[in-house]
Structure formats: C-alpha cells, structure tokens
Amino acid sequence: MTGSTLRTGTLTTRIVVWVALILLTLWAVLPIVWSFSASLKTPLTLYTSGLIPEDPTLDNYARVITSDGFPTYLWNSLFLAITSTAVALFVSVLAAYGFARYAFAWRHVLLLFILVPRILPRASLIIPLYYLVERLNLLDTYTVLIVTYCATAVPMSTWILMGFFRAVPRELEEAAAIDGASLWQRIWKVVVPISLPGMVTAGILSLREAWNEFPFVLAFTTSSEMRTLPYQLFLLRDSMGIQDWSLINAFTITTIIPILVLYLVFERQIVNGLTSGAVK
C-alpha cells in the first residue's frame, strides 16, 4: 500500500469523523438554540418570525422571575439538589471504599445489586414507595425527596468512585496509618483528595439528576410550597389547550442555565472523571 493511499484513507476517516461530530453537535445544540430564540419572542411573533427574533424582548424572563412562588421553587430545587448530592456523596464514598479495598464474599453480586434502582423505571417505583411514604407520614416533606434522590444517585456515584479508589496506591494509606491516621482520616484526607476528579464528576452528575427530578416530586408532594422548578414548568400548561410557548421556553432556559454553567466550568474534570473512571 503506497503512502498516497494511506494519506487518502486517513483524510477520508477524518472527514467522516468531523461530519459525524458536527451532526451530533447540531443535534444537541439546535433544540437549546431554538428554545432560547422562542423565549425572546412574543406569543404573536413566535409563529411568524424565523430562528432569529425580529424584535427580541426579555419580557418573558421578567415574567418568570417575578411570577408568584418562583423564589420558593428555586430555593426548593437548590436545597434538595445540594443536600441530596452531599448525602449521596458521603454514602457513596464509604460504599466505594469498601468495594475497592475489601475482598468480602459476594462482593461482585452486591455491587451489581446496588444498580437495581438505576435499572428499574422510576414510574414503576412510585406506587410501592407512595404506600411506604404514606405510612411513615413523610408525604410532602423534604425528607422523602432527599431519600429518594439519594437512592438513585448513590449507585452511579459508587461505581464512579470505586474505579478511582482502586487506583490509589495502598502504600499511601499504609504510610498514613504508620503516622497514626485512623481509617476515617485515611479515607477523607488521603483517598478522597487524590480522587478529586471522580468526586467532582459524581457530584455534578448527582446534582443534575436531583435538579431535573420530576416524577418523585409529582407523586410525593401536594402543597405549592414544596414545588420545584421542573414541577412548576409542568404546571405552566394551559387547561384550555392554548400554550404560552414563549413563557414556557423562557422558564425552561432559566431552569437549565445553572446546570449548563456547571458543565462549562467543570467540563474538563467531568470528562477526565468519566474516562479515567472507566479505564480504572
């Protein structure tokens, strides 16, 4: 095979890869661009103007921010997402350390078993969980939402962190133990700091799931004081079938901005965390 043939094959491969990447990028970005464009239009110009608004306005965002209950919904989303992520990371660190460092019986079976909450559709869990939560008198409380959020975040975080903890040399822990460090100190002062990319990745992915959670909030809350941003977005539907799509898109963009900012800020850590965790 000649050098020109190799160069031609390499060039063709690069073109195919770049075309595929461009198509995937457009597939992911265009819905967000369209939604942002629609949020800058009035209900009358939504169906007449193109992708670029003719007379853009921020009135829809002002209506979202000044709407009744928006600060409460925003606070609920922030509180539940941050609290559940912190609790899930705490539990996941302990679980991942146990799986990474101790070769106990049925370890691999148990490691697969903890993925059950991730495999089962959330809709199939709502009815049995509702009866349980009702008997415990936890309906319409932060507690039930935090517990259910953690139950879905812990398996994913455990699997991510376990790969990083396995890669931490045991000699570092042994040296810390010789210096008098307890098991608790070795975990939080030696293993966790070295596995910081994995902690960031697991934390942001858990935060994203808690921020976007809707089925559990819909099933386990009844009062308006417990609503979150996704729940309120669902309630923006008009009962008469006439939708204010400009307002809905403005609310959608307002809801996803915090997560987009997190991804942009920690993009490198997330990519390194996912790829390193998969390899390790």
C-alpha atoms as a PDB file:
ATOM      1  CA  MET A   1       0.000   0.000   0.000  1.00  0.00           C
ATOM      2  CA  THR A   2       1.504   3.302  -1.084  1.00  0.00           C
ATOM      3  CA  GLY A   3       1.864   6.422   1.027  1.00  0.00           C
ATOM      4  CA  SER A   4      -0.682   8.336  -1.056  1.00  0.00           C
ATOM      5  CA  THR A   5      -3.263   5.616  -0.454  1.00  0.00           C
ATOM      6  CA  LEU A   6      -2.652   5.795   3.304  1.00  0.00           C
ATOM      7  CA  ARG A   7      -2.968   9.589   3.277  1.00  0.00           C
ATOM      8  CA  THR A   8      -6.214   9.350   1.292  1.00  0.00           C
ATOM      9  CA  GLY A   9      -7.640   6.817   3.737  1.00  0.00           C
ATOM     10  CA  THR A  10      -6.617   8.954   6.716  1.00  0.00           C
ATOM     11  CA  LEU A  11      -8.175  12.065   5.156  1.00  0.00           C
ATOM     12  CA  THR A  12     -11.430  10.198   4.436  1.00  0.00           C
ATOM     13  CA  THR A  13     -11.568   8.938   8.019  1.00  0.00           C
ATOM     14  CA  ARG A  14     -11.045  12.436   9.380  1.00  0.00           C
ATOM     15  CA  ILE A  15     -13.776  13.854   7.156  1.00  0.00           C
ATOM     16  CA  VAL A  16     -16.229  11.186   8.271  1.00  0.00           C
ATOM     17  CA  VAL A  17     -15.375  11.782  11.936  1.00  0.00           C
ATOM     18  CA  TRP A  18     -15.731  15.554  11.616  1.00  0.00           C
ATOM     19  CA  VAL A  19     -19.044  15.273   9.767  1.00  0.00           C
ATOM     20  CA  ALA A  20     -20.370  12.922  12.451  1.00  0.00           C
ATOM     21  CA  LEU A  21     -19.210  15.281  15.224  1.00  0.00           C
ATOM     22  CA  ILE A  22     -20.789  18.283  13.517  1.00  0.00           C
ATOM     23  CA  LEU A  23     -24.100  16.452  13.109  1.00  0.00           C
ATOM     24  CA  LEU A  24     -24.081  15.334  16.744  1.00  0.00           C
ATOM     25  CA  THR A  25     -23.273  18.864  17.894  1.00  0.00           C
ATOM     26  CA  LEU A  26     -26.119  20.326  15.841  1.00  0.00           C
ATOM     27  CA  TRP A  27     -28.486  17.629  17.137  1.00  0.00           C
ATOM     28  CA  ALA A  28     -27.597  18.582  20.726  1.00  0.00           C
ATOM     29  CA  VAL A  29     -27.381  22.368  20.374  1.00  0.00           C
ATOM     30  CA  LEU A  30     -30.202  23.247  17.987  1.00  0.00           C
ATOM     31  CA  PRO A  31     -33.058  22.477  20.447  1.00  0.00           C
ATOM     32  CA  ILE A  32     -31.464  24.785  23.024  1.00  0.00           C
ATOM     33  CA  VAL A  33     -30.902  27.498  20.418  1.00  0.00           C
ATOM     34  CA  TRP A  34     -34.498  27.185  19.216  1.00  0.00           C
ATOM     35  CA  SER A  35     -35.820  27.327  22.776  1.00  0.00           C
ATOM     36  CA  PHE A  36     -33.725  30.411  23.569  1.00  0.00           C
ATOM     37  CA  SER A  37     -34.888  32.082  20.364  1.00  0.00           C
ATOM     38  CA  ALA A  38     -38.524  31.346  21.192  1.00  0.00           C
ATOM     39  CA  SER A  39     -38.072  32.761  24.684  1.00  0.00           C
ATOM     40  CA  LEU A  40     -37.116  36.131  23.164  1.00  0.00           C
ATOM     41  CA  LYS A  41     -40.316  36.372  21.117  1.00  0.00           C
ATOM     42  CA  THR A  42     -43.838  37.408  21.932  1.00  0.00           C
ATOM     43  CA  PRO A  43     -46.701  34.917  21.524  1.00  0.00           C
ATOM     44  CA  LEU A  44     -47.760  36.778  18.370  1.00  0.00           C
ATOM     45  CA  THR A  45     -44.339  36.723  16.666  1.00  0.00           C
ATOM     46  CA  LEU A  46     -43.479  33.172  17.746  1.00  0.00           C
ATOM     47  CA  TYR A  47     -45.024  31.597  14.656  1.00  0.00           C
ATOM     48  CA  THR A  48     -44.216  34.345  12.165  1.00  0.00           C
ATOM     49  CA  SER A  49     -40.507  35.066  12.620  1.00  0.00           C
ATOM     50  CA  GLY A  50     -37.627  32.693  11.926  1.00  0.00           C
ATOM     51  CA  LEU A  51     -34.903  31.358  14.169  1.00  0.00           C
ATOM     52  CA  ILE A  52     -33.524  34.863  14.736  1.00  0.00           C
ATOM     53  CA  PRO A  53     -36.117  37.043  16.540  1.00  0.00           C
ATOM     54  CA  GLU A  54     -37.083  40.167  14.636  1.00  0.00           C
ATOM     55  CA  ASP A  55     -37.774  42.210  17.768  1.00  0.00           C
ATOM     56  CA  PRO A  56     -36.242  40.325  20.721  1.00  0.00           C
ATOM     57  CA  THR A  57     -37.567  41.019  24.203  1.00  0.00           C
ATOM     58  CA  LEU A  58     -36.724  39.919  27.746  1.00  0.00           C
ATOM     59  CA  ASP A  59     -40.282  40.323  28.982  1.00  0.00           C
ATOM     60  CA  ASN A  60     -40.763  36.570  29.221  1.00  0.00           C
ATOM     61  CA  TYR A  61     -37.792  36.222  31.571  1.00  0.00           C
ATOM     62  CA  ALA A  62     -39.106  39.098  33.673  1.00  0.00           C
ATOM     63  CA  ARG A  63     -42.473  37.336  33.899  1.00  0.00           C
ATOM     64  CA  VAL A  64     -40.730  34.129  35.013  1.00  0.00           C
ATOM     65  CA  ILE A  65     -38.586  35.741  37.703  1.00  0.00           C
ATOM     66  CA  THR A  66     -41.401  37.923  39.072  1.00  0.00           C
ATOM     67  CA  SER A  67     -44.046  35.187  38.986  1.00  0.00           C
ATOM     68  CA  ASP A  68     -45.684  34.152  42.240  1.00  0.00           C
ATOM     69  CA  GLY A  69     -43.721  31.470  44.059  1.00  0.00           C
ATOM     70  CA  PHE A  70     -40.646  31.481  41.802  1.00  0.00           C
ATOM     71  CA  PRO A  71     -38.195  32.203  44.684  1.00  0.00           C
ATOM     72  CA  THR A  72     -39.750  29.290  46.608  1.00  0.00           C
ATOM     73  CA  TYR A  73     -39.441  26.909  43.663  1.00  0.00           C
ATOM     74  CA  LEU A  74     -35.860  27.985  43.054  1.00  0.00           C
ATOM     75  CA  TRP A  75     -34.977  27.540  46.734  1.00  0.00           C
ATOM     76  CA  ASN A  76     -36.573  24.084  46.834  1.00  0.00           C
ATOM     77  CA  SER A  77     -34.618  22.972  43.774  1.00  0.00           C
ATOM     78  CA  LEU A  78     -31.333  24.325  45.149  1.00  0.00           C
ATOM     79  CA  PHE A  79     -31.844  22.938  48.646  1.00  0.00           C
ATOM     80  CA  LEU A  80     -32.916  19.475  47.501  1.00  0.00           C
ATOM     81  CA  ALA A  81     -30.208  19.201  44.849  1.00  0.00           C
ATOM     82  CA  ILE A  82     -27.340  20.340  47.091  1.00  0.00           C
ATOM     83  CA  THR A  83     -28.465  18.406  50.171  1.00  0.00           C
ATOM     84  CA  SER A  84     -29.179  15.145  48.361  1.00  0.00           C
ATOM     85  CA  THR A  85     -25.896  15.394  46.446  1.00  0.00           C
ATOM     86  CA  ALA A  86     -23.917  15.920  49.663  1.00  0.00           C
ATOM     87  CA  VAL A  87     -25.606  12.974  51.378  1.00  0.00           C
ATOM     88  CA  ALA A  88     -25.241  10.760  48.300  1.00  0.00           C
ATOM     89  CA  LEU A  89     -21.525  11.553  48.003  1.00  0.00           C
ATOM     90  CA  PHE A  90     -20.960  10.815  51.687  1.00  0.00           C
ATOM     91  CA  VAL A  91     -22.641   7.414  51.397  1.00  0.00           C
ATOM     92  CA  SER A  92     -21.002   6.672  48.042  1.00  0.00           C
ATOM     93  CA  VAL A  93     -17.506   7.375  49.361  1.00  0.00           C
ATOM     94  CA  LEU A  94     -17.955   4.828  52.145  1.00  0.00           C
ATOM     95  CA  ALA A  95     -19.527   2.255  49.830  1.00  0.00           C
ATOM     96  CA  ALA A  96     -16.940   2.723  47.087  1.00  0.00           C
ATOM     97  CA  TYR A  97     -14.071   2.445  49.590  1.00  0.00           C
ATOM     98  CA  GLY A  98     -15.489  -0.794  50.953  1.00  0.00           C
ATOM     99  CA  PHE A  99     -15.852  -2.313  47.487  1.00  0.00           C
ATOM    100  CA  ALA A 100     -12.404  -1.089  46.400  1.00  0.00           C
ATOM    101  CA  ARG A 101     -10.410  -2.147  49.446  1.00  0.00           C
ATOM    102  CA  TYR A 102     -12.118  -5.216  50.947  1.00  0.00           C
ATOM    103  CA  ALA A 103     -12.498  -8.576  49.170  1.00  0.00           C
ATOM    104  CA  PHE A 104     -15.541  -9.859  51.093  1.00  0.00           C
ATOM    105  CA  ALA A 105     -17.856 -12.652  49.983  1.00  0.00           C
ATOM    106  CA  TRP A 106     -20.449 -11.920  47.308  1.00  0.00           C
ATOM    107  CA  ARG A 107     -18.849  -8.538  46.709  1.00  0.00           C
ATOM    108  CA  HIS A 108     -19.428  -8.569  42.951  1.00  0.00           C
ATOM    109  CA  VAL A 109     -23.028  -9.730  43.337  1.00  0.00           C
ATOM    110  CA  LEU A 110     -23.755  -6.929  45.795  1.00  0.00           C
ATOM    111  CA  LEU A 111     -22.029  -4.436  43.507  1.00  0.00           C
ATOM    112  CA  LEU A 112     -24.405  -5.422  40.717  1.00  0.00           C
ATOM    113  CA  PHE A 113     -27.384  -5.479  43.075  1.00  0.00           C
ATOM    114  CA  ILE A 114     -26.984  -1.818  44.031  1.00  0.00           C
ATOM    115  CA  LEU A 115     -27.608  -0.914  40.392  1.00  0.00           C
ATOM    116  CA  VAL A 116     -31.225  -2.079  40.656  1.00  0.00           C
ATOM    117  CA  PRO A 117     -32.554   1.449  41.461  1.00  0.00           C
ATOM    118  CA  ARG A 118     -30.866   2.640  38.260  1.00  0.00           C
ATOM    119  CA  ILE A 119     -32.237  -0.169  36.104  1.00  0.00           C
ATOM    120  CA  LEU A 120     -35.882  -0.039  37.184  1.00  0.00           C
ATOM    121  CA  PRO A 121     -38.014   2.755  35.665  1.00  0.00           C
ATOM    122  CA  ARG A 122     -38.867   5.360  38.278  1.00  0.00           C
ATOM    123  CA  ALA A 123     -42.535   5.208  37.341  1.00  0.00           C
ATOM    124  CA  SER A 124     -42.646   1.564  38.454  1.00  0.00           C
ATOM    125  CA  LEU A 125     -41.364   2.537  41.920  1.00  0.00           C
ATOM    126  CA  ILE A 126     -43.845   5.313  42.627  1.00  0.00           C
ATOM    127  CA  ILE A 127     -46.832   3.195  43.774  1.00  0.00           C
ATOM    128  CA  PRO A 128     -44.993   0.977  46.307  1.00  0.00           C
ATOM    129  CA  LEU A 129     -42.951   3.923  47.537  1.00  0.00           C
ATOM    130  CA  TYR A 130     -46.096   6.006  47.926  1.00  0.00           C
ATOM    131  CA  TYR A 131     -47.710   3.435  50.243  1.00  0.00           C
ATOM    132  CA  LEU A 132     -44.499   3.242  52.277  1.00  0.00           C
ATOM    133  CA  VAL A 133     -44.084   7.008  52.497  1.00  0.00           C
ATOM    134  CA  GLU A 134     -47.728   7.474  53.440  1.00  0.00           C
ATOM    135  CA  ARG A 135     -47.468   5.013  56.332  1.00  0.00           C
ATOM    136  CA  LEU A 136     -44.348   6.784  57.565  1.00  0.00           C
ATOM    137  CA  ASN A 137     -46.157  10.152  57.417  1.00  0.00           C
ATOM    138  CA  LEU A 138     -43.461  11.603  55.164  1.00  0.00           C
ATOM    139  CA  LEU A 139     -45.626  12.865  52.327  1.00  0.00           C
ATOM    140  CA  ASP A 140     -44.995  16.465  51.313  1.00  0.00           C
ATOM    141  CA  THR A 141     -41.677  16.685  53.190  1.00  0.00           C
ATOM    142  CA  TYR A 142     -38.092  17.369  52.210  1.00  0.00           C
ATOM    143  CA  THR A 143     -37.050  14.106  53.849  1.00  0.00           C
ATOM    144  CA  VAL A 144     -38.786  11.808  51.397  1.00  0.00           C
ATOM    145  CA  LEU A 145     -37.423  13.715  48.392  1.00  0.00           C
ATOM    146  CA  ILE A 146     -33.856  13.714  49.721  1.00  0.00           C
ATOM    147  CA  VAL A 147     -34.019   9.985  50.462  1.00  0.00           C
ATOM    148  CA  THR A 148     -35.407   9.103  47.033  1.00  0.00           C
ATOM    149  CA  TYR A 149     -32.926  11.386  45.269  1.00  0.00           C
ATOM    150  CA  CYS A 150     -30.056   9.731  47.142  1.00  0.00           C
ATOM    151  CA  ALA A 151     -31.348   6.253  46.340  1.00  0.00           C
ATOM    152  CA  THR A 152     -30.960   6.953  42.625  1.00  0.00           C
ATOM    153  CA  ALA A 153     -27.650   8.840  42.910  1.00  0.00           C
ATOM    154  CA  VAL A 154     -25.699   6.506  45.199  1.00  0.00           C
ATOM    155  CA  PRO A 155     -25.324   3.570  42.736  1.00  0.00           C
ATOM    156  CA  MET A 156     -23.905   5.739  39.961  1.00  0.00           C
ATOM    157  CA  SER A 157     -21.589   7.625  42.312  1.00  0.00           C
ATOM    158  CA  THR A 158     -20.387   4.399  43.920  1.00  0.00           C
ATOM    159  CA  TRP A 159     -19.394   2.897  40.583  1.00  0.00           C
ATOM    160  CA  ILE A 160     -17.582   6.067  39.510  1.00  0.00           C
ATOM    161  CA  LEU A 161     -15.665   6.463  42.767  1.00  0.00           C
ATOM    162  CA  MET A 162     -14.778   2.798  43.107  1.00  0.00           C
ATOM    163  CA  GLY A 163     -12.595   2.977  39.995  1.00  0.00           C
ATOM    164  CA  PHE A 164     -10.682   5.941  41.410  1.00  0.00           C
ATOM    165  CA  PHE A 165     -10.278   4.430  44.879  1.00  0.00           C
ATOM    166  CA  ARG A 166      -8.829   1.233  43.394  1.00  0.00           C
ATOM    167  CA  ALA A 167      -6.188   3.315  41.612  1.00  0.00           C
ATOM    168  CA  VAL A 168      -4.989   4.951  44.857  1.00  0.00           C
ATOM    169  CA  PRO A 169      -1.832   3.071  45.963  1.00  0.00           C
ATOM    170  CA  ARG A 170      -2.268   1.176  49.207  1.00  0.00           C
ATOM    171  CA  GLU A 171       1.219   2.310  50.216  1.00  0.00           C
ATOM    172  CA  LEU A 172      -0.104   5.845  50.758  1.00  0.00           C
ATOM    173  CA  GLU A 173      -2.691   4.589  53.215  1.00  0.00           C
ATOM    174  CA  GLU A 174      -0.135   2.370  54.946  1.00  0.00           C
ATOM    175  CA  ALA A 175       2.206   5.341  55.362  1.00  0.00           C
ATOM    176  CA  ALA A 176      -0.636   7.405  56.815  1.00  0.00           C
ATOM    177  CA  ALA A 177      -1.533   4.544  59.169  1.00  0.00           C
ATOM    178  CA  ILE A 178       2.064   4.369  60.381  1.00  0.00           C
ATOM    179  CA  ASP A 179       1.849   8.103  61.149  1.00  0.00           C
ATOM    180  CA  GLY A 180      -1.191   7.397  63.324  1.00  0.00           C
ATOM    181  CA  ALA A 181      -4.037   8.173  60.931  1.00  0.00           C
ATOM    182  CA  SER A 182      -7.283   6.349  61.603  1.00  0.00           C
ATOM    183  CA  LEU A 183      -9.343   4.649  58.903  1.00  0.00           C
ATOM    184  CA  TRP A 184     -11.663   7.665  58.801  1.00  0.00           C
ATOM    185  CA  GLN A 185      -8.717  10.028  58.334  1.00  0.00           C
ATOM    186  CA  ARG A 186      -7.164   7.834  55.636  1.00  0.00           C
ATOM    187  CA  ILE A 187     -10.394   7.910  53.645  1.00  0.00           C
ATOM    188  CA  TRP A 188     -11.085  11.632  53.845  1.00  0.00           C
ATOM    189  CA  LYS A 189      -7.532  13.004  53.944  1.00  0.00           C
ATOM    190  CA  VAL A 190      -5.700  10.613  51.621  1.00  0.00           C
ATOM    191  CA  VAL A 191      -8.044   8.713  49.290  1.00  0.00           C
ATOM    192  CA  VAL A 192     -10.699  11.378  48.636  1.00  0.00           C
ATOM    193  CA  PRO A 193      -8.302  14.265  47.785  1.00  0.00           C
ATOM    194  CA  ILE A 194      -6.418  12.065  45.314  1.00  0.00           C
ATOM    195  CA  SER A 195      -9.737  11.045  43.733  1.00  0.00           C
ATOM    196  CA  LEU A 196     -10.971  14.624  43.390  1.00  0.00           C
ATOM    197  CA  PRO A 197     -11.824  14.352  39.630  1.00  0.00           C
ATOM    198  CA  GLY A 198     -14.084  11.422  40.422  1.00  0.00           C
ATOM    199  CA  MET A 199     -15.697  13.322  43.291  1.00  0.00           C
ATOM    200  CA  VAL A 200     -16.405  16.291  41.016  1.00  0.00           C
ATOM    201  CA  THR A 201     -17.850  14.053  38.307  1.00  0.00           C
ATOM    202  CA  ALA A 202     -20.059  12.087  40.692  1.00  0.00           C
ATOM    203  CA  GLY A 203     -21.178  15.267  42.430  1.00  0.00           C
ATOM    204  CA  ILE A 204     -22.195  17.120  39.277  1.00  0.00           C
ATOM    205  CA  LEU A 205     -23.989  14.117  37.789  1.00  0.00           C
ATOM    206  CA  SER A 206     -25.885  13.603  41.062  1.00  0.00           C
ATOM    207  CA  LEU A 207     -26.686  17.312  41.234  1.00  0.00           C
ATOM    208  CA  ARG A 208     -28.009  17.251  37.684  1.00  0.00           C
ATOM    209  CA  GLU A 209     -30.325  14.331  38.390  1.00  0.00           C
ATOM    210  CA  ALA A 210     -31.669  15.939  41.564  1.00  0.00           C
ATOM    211  CA  TRP A 211     -32.145  19.283  39.822  1.00  0.00           C
ATOM    212  CA  ASN A 212     -34.132  17.711  36.973  1.00  0.00           C
ATOM    213  CA  GLU A 213     -36.130  15.261  39.091  1.00  0.00           C
ATOM    214  CA  PHE A 214     -39.869  15.364  38.406  1.00  0.00           C
ATOM    215  CA  PRO A 215     -41.741  12.047  38.987  1.00  0.00           C
ATOM    216  CA  PHE A 216     -40.960  11.811  42.704  1.00  0.00           C
ATOM    217  CA  VAL A 217     -41.856  15.461  43.330  1.00  0.00           C
ATOM    218  CA  LEU A 218     -45.116  14.996  41.459  1.00  0.00           C
ATOM    219  CA  ALA A 219     -46.021  11.841  43.412  1.00  0.00           C
ATOM    220  CA  PHE A 220     -44.853  12.709  46.936  1.00  0.00           C
ATOM    221  CA  THR A 221     -45.746  16.413  47.277  1.00  0.00           C
ATOM    222  CA  THR A 222     -49.099  18.153  47.358  1.00  0.00           C
ATOM    223  CA  SER A 223     -48.565  21.732  48.540  1.00  0.00           C
ATOM    224  CA  SER A 224     -47.273  24.574  46.386  1.00  0.00           C
ATOM    225  CA  GLU A 225     -44.577  25.294  48.995  1.00  0.00           C
ATOM    226  CA  MET A 226     -42.846  22.019  48.064  1.00  0.00           C
ATOM    227  CA  ARG A 227     -42.787  22.524  44.305  1.00  0.00           C
ATOM    228  CA  THR A 228     -39.526  22.575  42.395  1.00  0.00           C
ATOM    229  CA  LEU A 229     -38.694  24.255  39.103  1.00  0.00           C
ATOM    230  CA  PRO A 230     -39.426  21.170  36.921  1.00  0.00           C
ATOM    231  CA  TYR A 231     -42.765  20.716  38.711  1.00  0.00           C
ATOM    232  CA  GLN A 232     -43.742  24.331  38.139  1.00  0.00           C
ATOM    233  CA  LEU A 233     -42.680  24.077  34.499  1.00  0.00           C
ATOM    234  CA  PHE A 234     -45.095  21.170  34.157  1.00  0.00           C
ATOM    235  CA  LEU A 235     -47.888  23.278  35.669  1.00  0.00           C
ATOM    236  CA  LEU A 236     -47.437  26.038  33.082  1.00  0.00           C
ATOM    237  CA  ARG A 237     -49.662  24.068  30.719  1.00  0.00           C
ATOM    238  CA  ASP A 238     -52.922  25.845  29.987  1.00  0.00           C
ATOM    239  CA  SER A 239     -56.037  23.838  30.742  1.00  0.00           C
ATOM    240  CA  MET A 240     -57.749  25.286  27.652  1.00  0.00           C
ATOM    241  CA  GLY A 241     -55.023  23.948  25.347  1.00  0.00           C
ATOM    242  CA  ILE A 242     -53.612  27.385  24.477  1.00  0.00           C
ATOM    243  CA  GLN A 243     -49.943  27.305  25.432  1.00  0.00           C
ATOM    244  CA  ASP A 244     -47.805  30.370  26.024  1.00  0.00           C
ATOM    245  CA  TRP A 245     -44.727  28.809  24.420  1.00  0.00           C
ATOM    246  CA  SER A 246     -42.647  31.955  24.791  1.00  0.00           C
ATOM    247  CA  LEU A 247     -43.117  31.889  28.558  1.00  0.00           C
ATOM    248  CA  ILE A 248     -42.581  28.121  28.731  1.00  0.00           C
ATOM    249  CA  ASN A 249     -39.313  28.368  26.803  1.00  0.00           C
ATOM    250  CA  ALA A 250     -38.126  31.250  28.982  1.00  0.00           C
ATOM    251  CA  PHE A 251     -38.862  29.156  32.083  1.00  0.00           C
ATOM    252  CA  THR A 252     -37.030  26.199  30.511  1.00  0.00           C
ATOM    253  CA  ILE A 253     -33.914  28.221  29.717  1.00  0.00           C
ATOM    254  CA  THR A 254     -33.950  29.731  33.222  1.00  0.00           C
ATOM    255  CA  THR A 255     -34.124  26.219  34.683  1.00  0.00           C
ATOM    256  CA  ILE A 256     -31.261  24.698  32.693  1.00  0.00           C
ATOM    257  CA  ILE A 257     -28.842  27.646  32.948  1.00  0.00           C
ATOM    258  CA  PRO A 258     -27.340  26.593  36.345  1.00  0.00           C
ATOM    259  CA  ILE A 259     -26.588  23.073  35.106  1.00  0.00           C
ATOM    260  CA  LEU A 260     -25.134  24.361  31.827  1.00  0.00           C
ATOM    261  CA  VAL A 261     -22.858  26.727  33.750  1.00  0.00           C
ATOM    262  CA  LEU A 262     -21.662  23.871  35.973  1.00  0.00           C
ATOM    263  CA  TYR A 263     -20.897  21.703  32.954  1.00  0.00           C
ATOM    264  CA  LEU A 264     -18.993  24.516  31.247  1.00  0.00           C
ATOM    265  CA  VAL A 265     -16.955  25.319  34.366  1.00  0.00           C
ATOM    266  CA  PHE A 266     -16.113  21.705  35.237  1.00  0.00           C
ATOM    267  CA  GLU A 267     -16.093  20.283  31.708  1.00  0.00           C
ATOM    268  CA  ARG A 268     -12.503  19.068  31.853  1.00  0.00           C
ATOM    269  CA  GLN A 269     -12.927  17.459  35.272  1.00  0.00           C
ATOM    270  CA  ILE A 270     -16.120  15.704  34.172  1.00  0.00           C
ATOM    271  CA  VAL A 271     -14.534  14.287  31.006  1.00  0.00           C
ATOM    272  CA  ASN A 272     -11.402  13.198  32.885  1.00  0.00           C
ATOM    273  CA  GLY A 273     -13.506  11.710  35.637  1.00  0.00           C
ATOM    274  CA  LEU A 274     -15.677   9.658  33.306  1.00  0.00           C
ATOM    275  CA  THR A 275     -12.839   8.433  31.100  1.00  0.00           C
ATOM    276  CA  SER A 276     -10.416   7.737  33.968  1.00  0.00           C
ATOM    277  CA  GLY A 277     -13.099   6.002  35.985  1.00  0.00           C
ATOM    278  CA  ALA A 278     -13.980   3.793  33.034  1.00  0.00           C
ATOM    279  CA  VAL A 279     -10.340   2.838  32.427  1.00  0.00           C
ATOM    280  CA  LYS A 280      -9.542   2.214  36.063  1.00  0.00           C
END
